């Protein structure tokens, strides 16, 4: 479970997003970070039992993202994130392979899985795999539990027209238009600060695993 103090810190950083406040209250950040890492260690251990792609040496520190924002090319110059996140991938947070992203934010905590904006060669491989194994991919995304827990694949990154090389009447046209292959499961606020937190995270991760396996096979 995530401690109330961690959620409180994230609320405070959202309204006091400046370096002066952060430096004076850095101890609150360190406590929040330690709290999330503690739960994350248990989550990673459980993920390793059903997703053998995750390297044995992966731990919370190799998965947690920094709270500091990169503002060099952003119009939003706030120096800190208002969330704590971690990416559990085969080789840690810098690995762009299909994995699990865990996001802790007041009233907006979730787990995402799949692959965000794969490179052009990887995207071509994924589309080819969907073309070859459309029934399998459709079965994954139409699964009763998949729909109940994570809904549908995110439609934000999508082409207007079908990519070159595929017929306009392709049965998987909506899948082939996608440029990212992401699904998201929300975590209820009451569960974040309860003993159900880790259970909720693992349930979503297990639901996302077939999608990750399909994408991994495609890019290998």
Protein backbone atom coordinates (compact mmCIF):
# COMPACT_ATOMS: atom_id res chain seq x y z
CA UNK A 1 0.00 0.00 0.00
CA UNK A 2 1.01 3.60 -0.57
CA UNK A 3 1.19 5.71 2.57
CA UNK A 4 -1.06 8.71 3.11
CA UNK A 5 2.06 10.85 3.53
CA UNK A 6 3.18 9.99 -0.02
CA UNK A 7 -0.14 11.10 -1.51
CA UNK A 8 0.03 14.22 0.66
CA UNK A 9 3.49 15.05 -0.69
CA UNK A 10 2.31 14.66 -4.29
CA UNK A 11 -0.60 17.02 -3.61
CA UNK A 12 1.78 19.55 -2.09
CA UNK A 13 4.30 19.41 -4.94
CA UNK A 14 1.43 20.01 -7.35
CA UNK A 15 0.61 23.33 -5.69
CA UNK A 16 4.19 24.25 -4.68
CA UNK A 17 6.07 23.29 -7.82
CA UNK A 18 9.18 25.39 -7.35
CA UNK A 19 12.77 24.75 -6.33
CA UNK A 20 12.67 26.74 -3.10
CA UNK A 21 9.77 24.74 -1.68
CA UNK A 22 11.22 21.45 -2.88
CA UNK A 23 14.64 22.04 -1.32
CA UNK A 24 13.04 22.92 2.01
CA UNK A 25 10.86 19.82 1.87
CA UNK A 26 13.15 17.37 0.13
CA UNK A 27 12.91 15.01 3.09
CA UNK A 28 9.22 14.54 2.25
CA UNK A 29 10.15 13.54 -1.29
CA UNK A 30 12.77 11.07 -0.07
CA UNK A 31 10.23 9.45 2.26
CA UNK A 32 7.66 9.26 -0.55
CA UNK A 33 10.21 7.79 -2.93
CA UNK A 34 11.24 5.19 -0.35
CA UNK A 35 7.59 4.31 0.25
CA UNK A 36 6.87 3.72 -3.44
CA UNK A 37 10.10 1.75 -3.89
CA UNK A 38 9.08 -0.55 -1.04
CA UNK A 39 5.81 -1.48 -2.76
CA UNK A 40 7.55 -1.61 -6.12
CA UNK A 41 10.02 -4.23 -4.91
CA UNK A 42 7.13 -6.54 -4.03
CA UNK A 43 5.39 -5.79 -7.33
CA UNK A 44 8.53 -6.58 -9.36
CA UNK A 45 9.04 -9.84 -7.48
CA UNK A 46 5.48 -10.88 -8.31
CA UNK A 47 5.77 -9.82 -11.98
CA UNK A 48 8.89 -11.97 -12.35
CA UNK A 49 6.85 -15.05 -11.42
CA UNK A 50 4.66 -14.77 -14.53
CA UNK A 51 6.73 -12.66 -16.95
CA UNK A 52 10.05 -14.41 -17.44
CA UNK A 53 11.28 -11.62 -19.72
CA UNK A 54 12.06 -9.49 -16.66
CA UNK A 55 15.75 -9.83 -15.84
CA UNK A 56 16.54 -11.32 -12.37
CA UNK A 57 18.66 -8.31 -11.39
CA UNK A 58 15.88 -5.78 -12.03
CA UNK A 59 14.85 -3.97 -8.84
CA UNK A 60 12.90 -0.87 -7.83
CA UNK A 61 15.83 1.53 -8.20
CA UNK A 62 16.36 0.39 -11.79
CA UNK A 63 12.70 1.03 -12.59
CA UNK A 64 11.81 4.26 -10.75
CA UNK A 65 11.80 7.52 -12.70
CA UNK A 66 13.23 10.73 -11.28
CA UNK A 67 10.80 13.39 -10.10
CA UNK A 68 12.77 16.06 -11.92
CA UNK A 69 11.26 17.16 -15.24
CA UNK A 70 13.29 17.78 -18.40
CA UNK A 71 12.09 21.27 -19.32
CA UNK A 72 14.63 22.07 -22.03
CA UNK A 73 12.19 21.71 -24.90
CA UNK A 74 8.93 22.21 -23.02
CA UNK A 75 6.73 25.27 -22.66
CA UNK A 76 5.80 23.96 -19.22
CA UNK A 77 8.74 25.02 -17.06
CA UNK A 78 7.59 23.46 -13.80
CA UNK A 79 10.71 21.71 -12.46
CA UNK A 80 9.02 18.68 -10.86
CA UNK A 81 6.50 16.02 -11.78
CA UNK A 82 3.36 15.70 -9.67
CA UNK A 83 3.58 11.92 -9.72
CA UNK A 84 5.91 9.03 -8.97
CA UNK A 85 6.30 6.47 -11.73
CA UNK A 86 8.20 3.33 -12.60
CA UNK A 87 8.69 1.29 -15.74
CA UNK A 88 9.10 -2.45 -15.20
CA UNK A 89 10.70 -3.66 -18.39
CA UNK A 90 13.01 -6.61 -19.13
CA UNK A 91 16.09 -4.45 -18.53
CA UNK A 92 14.67 -1.60 -16.47
CA UNK A 93 13.27 1.87 -17.11
CA UNK A 94 15.58 2.68 -20.04
CA UNK A 95 14.45 -0.41 -21.93
CA UNK A 96 11.81 0.42 -24.55
CA UNK A 97 10.63 -3.18 -24.89
CA UNK A 98 6.98 -3.96 -24.05
CA UNK A 99 6.55 -3.61 -20.30
CA UNK A 100 4.50 -2.25 -17.41
CA UNK A 101 4.34 1.41 -16.36
CA UNK A 102 3.12 2.09 -12.81
CA UNK A 103 1.93 5.64 -12.10
CA UNK A 104 1.13 7.05 -8.66
CA UNK A 105 -0.72 10.37 -8.64
CA UNK A 106 -3.59 11.65 -6.46
CA UNK A 107 -6.87 10.63 -8.12
CA UNK A 108 -5.02 9.45 -11.24
CA UNK A 109 -3.09 6.28 -10.43
CA UNK A 110 -2.88 3.62 -13.10
CA UNK A 111 -0.90 0.81 -14.71
CA UNK A 112 -0.17 0.88 -18.45
CA UNK A 113 1.28 -1.81 -20.64
CA UNK A 114 2.32 -2.42 -24.21
CA UNK A 115 4.66 -0.36 -26.35
CA UNK A 116 4.61 3.41 -26.81
CA UNK A 117 5.77 4.86 -30.14
CA UNK A 118 7.96 1.98 -31.37
CA UNK A 119 10.63 2.85 -33.94
CA UNK A 120 9.75 2.63 -37.63
CA UNK A 121 11.37 -0.82 -38.06
CA UNK A 122 9.67 -2.14 -34.90
CA UNK A 123 6.33 -0.67 -35.94
CA UNK A 124 6.60 -2.41 -39.30
CA UNK A 125 7.29 -5.72 -37.53
CA UNK A 126 4.31 -5.26 -35.21
CA UNK A 127 1.99 -4.48 -38.08
CA UNK A 128 3.27 -7.50 -39.97
CA UNK A 129 2.68 -9.71 -36.93
CA UNK A 130 -0.87 -8.36 -36.59
CA UNK A 131 -1.43 -9.01 -40.30
CA UNK A 132 -0.17 -12.59 -40.00
CA UNK A 133 -1.90 -13.32 -36.68
CA UNK A 134 -4.96 -11.07 -36.64
CA UNK A 135 -7.17 -13.67 -34.97
CA UNK A 136 -4.72 -14.04 -32.08
CA UNK A 137 -4.36 -10.27 -31.60
CA UNK A 138 -8.11 -9.77 -31.79
CA UNK A 139 -8.61 -12.51 -29.21
CA UNK A 140 -6.21 -10.74 -26.84
CA UNK A 141 -7.93 -7.36 -27.12
CA UNK A 142 -11.45 -8.83 -27.10
CA UNK A 143 -10.83 -10.97 -24.04
CA UNK A 144 -13.51 -10.45 -21.40
CA UNK A 145 -11.03 -9.63 -18.62
CA UNK A 146 -8.97 -7.39 -20.91
CA UNK A 147 -12.03 -5.30 -21.73
CA UNK A 148 -13.17 -5.20 -18.11
CA UNK A 149 -9.83 -4.24 -16.60
CA UNK A 150 -8.05 -2.13 -19.26
CA UNK A 151 -10.76 -1.47 -21.83
CA UNK A 152 -9.39 -1.02 -25.34
CA UNK A 153 -6.07 -0.06 -26.88
CA UNK A 154 -5.34 3.66 -26.63
CA UNK A 155 -6.38 5.44 -29.84
CA UNK A 156 -4.44 8.70 -29.43
CA UNK A 157 -1.49 7.81 -31.68
CA UNK A 158 -3.15 6.75 -34.90
CA UNK A 159 -2.92 7.22 -38.66
CA UNK A 160 -5.87 8.63 -40.58
CA UNK A 161 -5.42 6.17 -43.42
CA UNK A 162 -4.26 2.57 -43.53
CA UNK A 163 -0.44 2.25 -43.80
CA UNK A 164 1.11 1.46 -47.16
CA UNK A 165 1.26 -2.17 -48.13
CA UNK A 166 -2.10 -3.20 -46.68
CA UNK A 167 -5.46 -3.40 -48.46
CA UNK A 168 -8.06 -0.77 -47.56
CA UNK A 169 -10.54 -3.47 -46.62
CA UNK A 170 -8.15 -5.25 -44.23
CA UNK A 171 -10.09 -6.73 -41.29
CA UNK A 172 -7.51 -5.38 -38.86
CA UNK A 173 -7.45 -1.87 -40.32
CA UNK A 174 -8.02 -0.12 -36.97
CA UNK A 175 -5.13 -2.03 -35.37
CA UNK A 176 -2.83 -1.36 -38.32
CA UNK A 177 -3.45 2.39 -38.09
CA UNK A 178 -2.06 2.52 -34.56
CA UNK A 179 1.38 4.01 -33.94
CA UNK A 180 1.41 2.98 -30.27
CA UNK A 181 0.03 -0.16 -28.68
CA UNK A 182 -0.92 0.82 -25.15
CA UNK A 183 -3.68 -0.21 -22.76
CA UNK A 184 -4.32 1.35 -19.35
CA UNK A 185 -5.96 0.08 -16.18
CA UNK A 186 -6.96 2.60 -13.50
CA UNK A 187 -6.43 2.02 -9.79
CA UNK A 188 -9.17 3.28 -7.50
CA UNK A 189 -8.01 5.94 -5.07
CA UNK A 190 -9.27 3.91 -2.11
CA UNK A 191 -7.15 0.96 -3.26
CA UNK A 192 -3.95 2.98 -3.60
CA UNK A 193 -3.80 3.53 0.17
CA UNK A 194 -4.99 0.06 1.13
CA UNK A 195 -3.71 -3.50 1.25
CA UNK A 196 -5.40 -4.00 -2.13
CA UNK A 197 -2.85 -1.79 -3.90
CA UNK A 198 -0.32 -4.45 -4.89
CA UNK A 199 -3.10 -6.91 -5.71
CA UNK A 200 -4.71 -4.31 -8.01
CA UNK A 201 -1.42 -3.59 -9.77
CA UNK A 202 -0.66 -7.26 -10.34
CA UNK A 203 -4.16 -7.94 -11.67
CA UNK A 204 -3.67 -5.26 -14.33
CA UNK A 205 -0.15 -6.47 -15.16
CA UNK A 206 -1.35 -10.04 -15.64
CA UNK A 207 -4.13 -8.75 -17.89
CA UNK A 208 -1.57 -6.87 -19.99
CA UNK A 209 0.92 -9.73 -20.25
CA UNK A 210 -0.59 -11.37 -23.39
CA UNK A 211 -0.37 -8.02 -25.18
CA UNK A 212 3.26 -7.61 -24.12
CA UNK A 213 4.09 -11.15 -25.20
CA UNK A 214 2.57 -10.59 -28.65
CA UNK A 215 4.47 -7.32 -29.14
CA UNK A 216 7.73 -8.82 -27.87
CA UNK A 217 7.45 -11.72 -30.30
CA UNK A 218 6.80 -9.26 -33.12
CA UNK A 219 9.93 -7.19 -32.55
CA UNK A 220 12.31 -10.06 -31.70
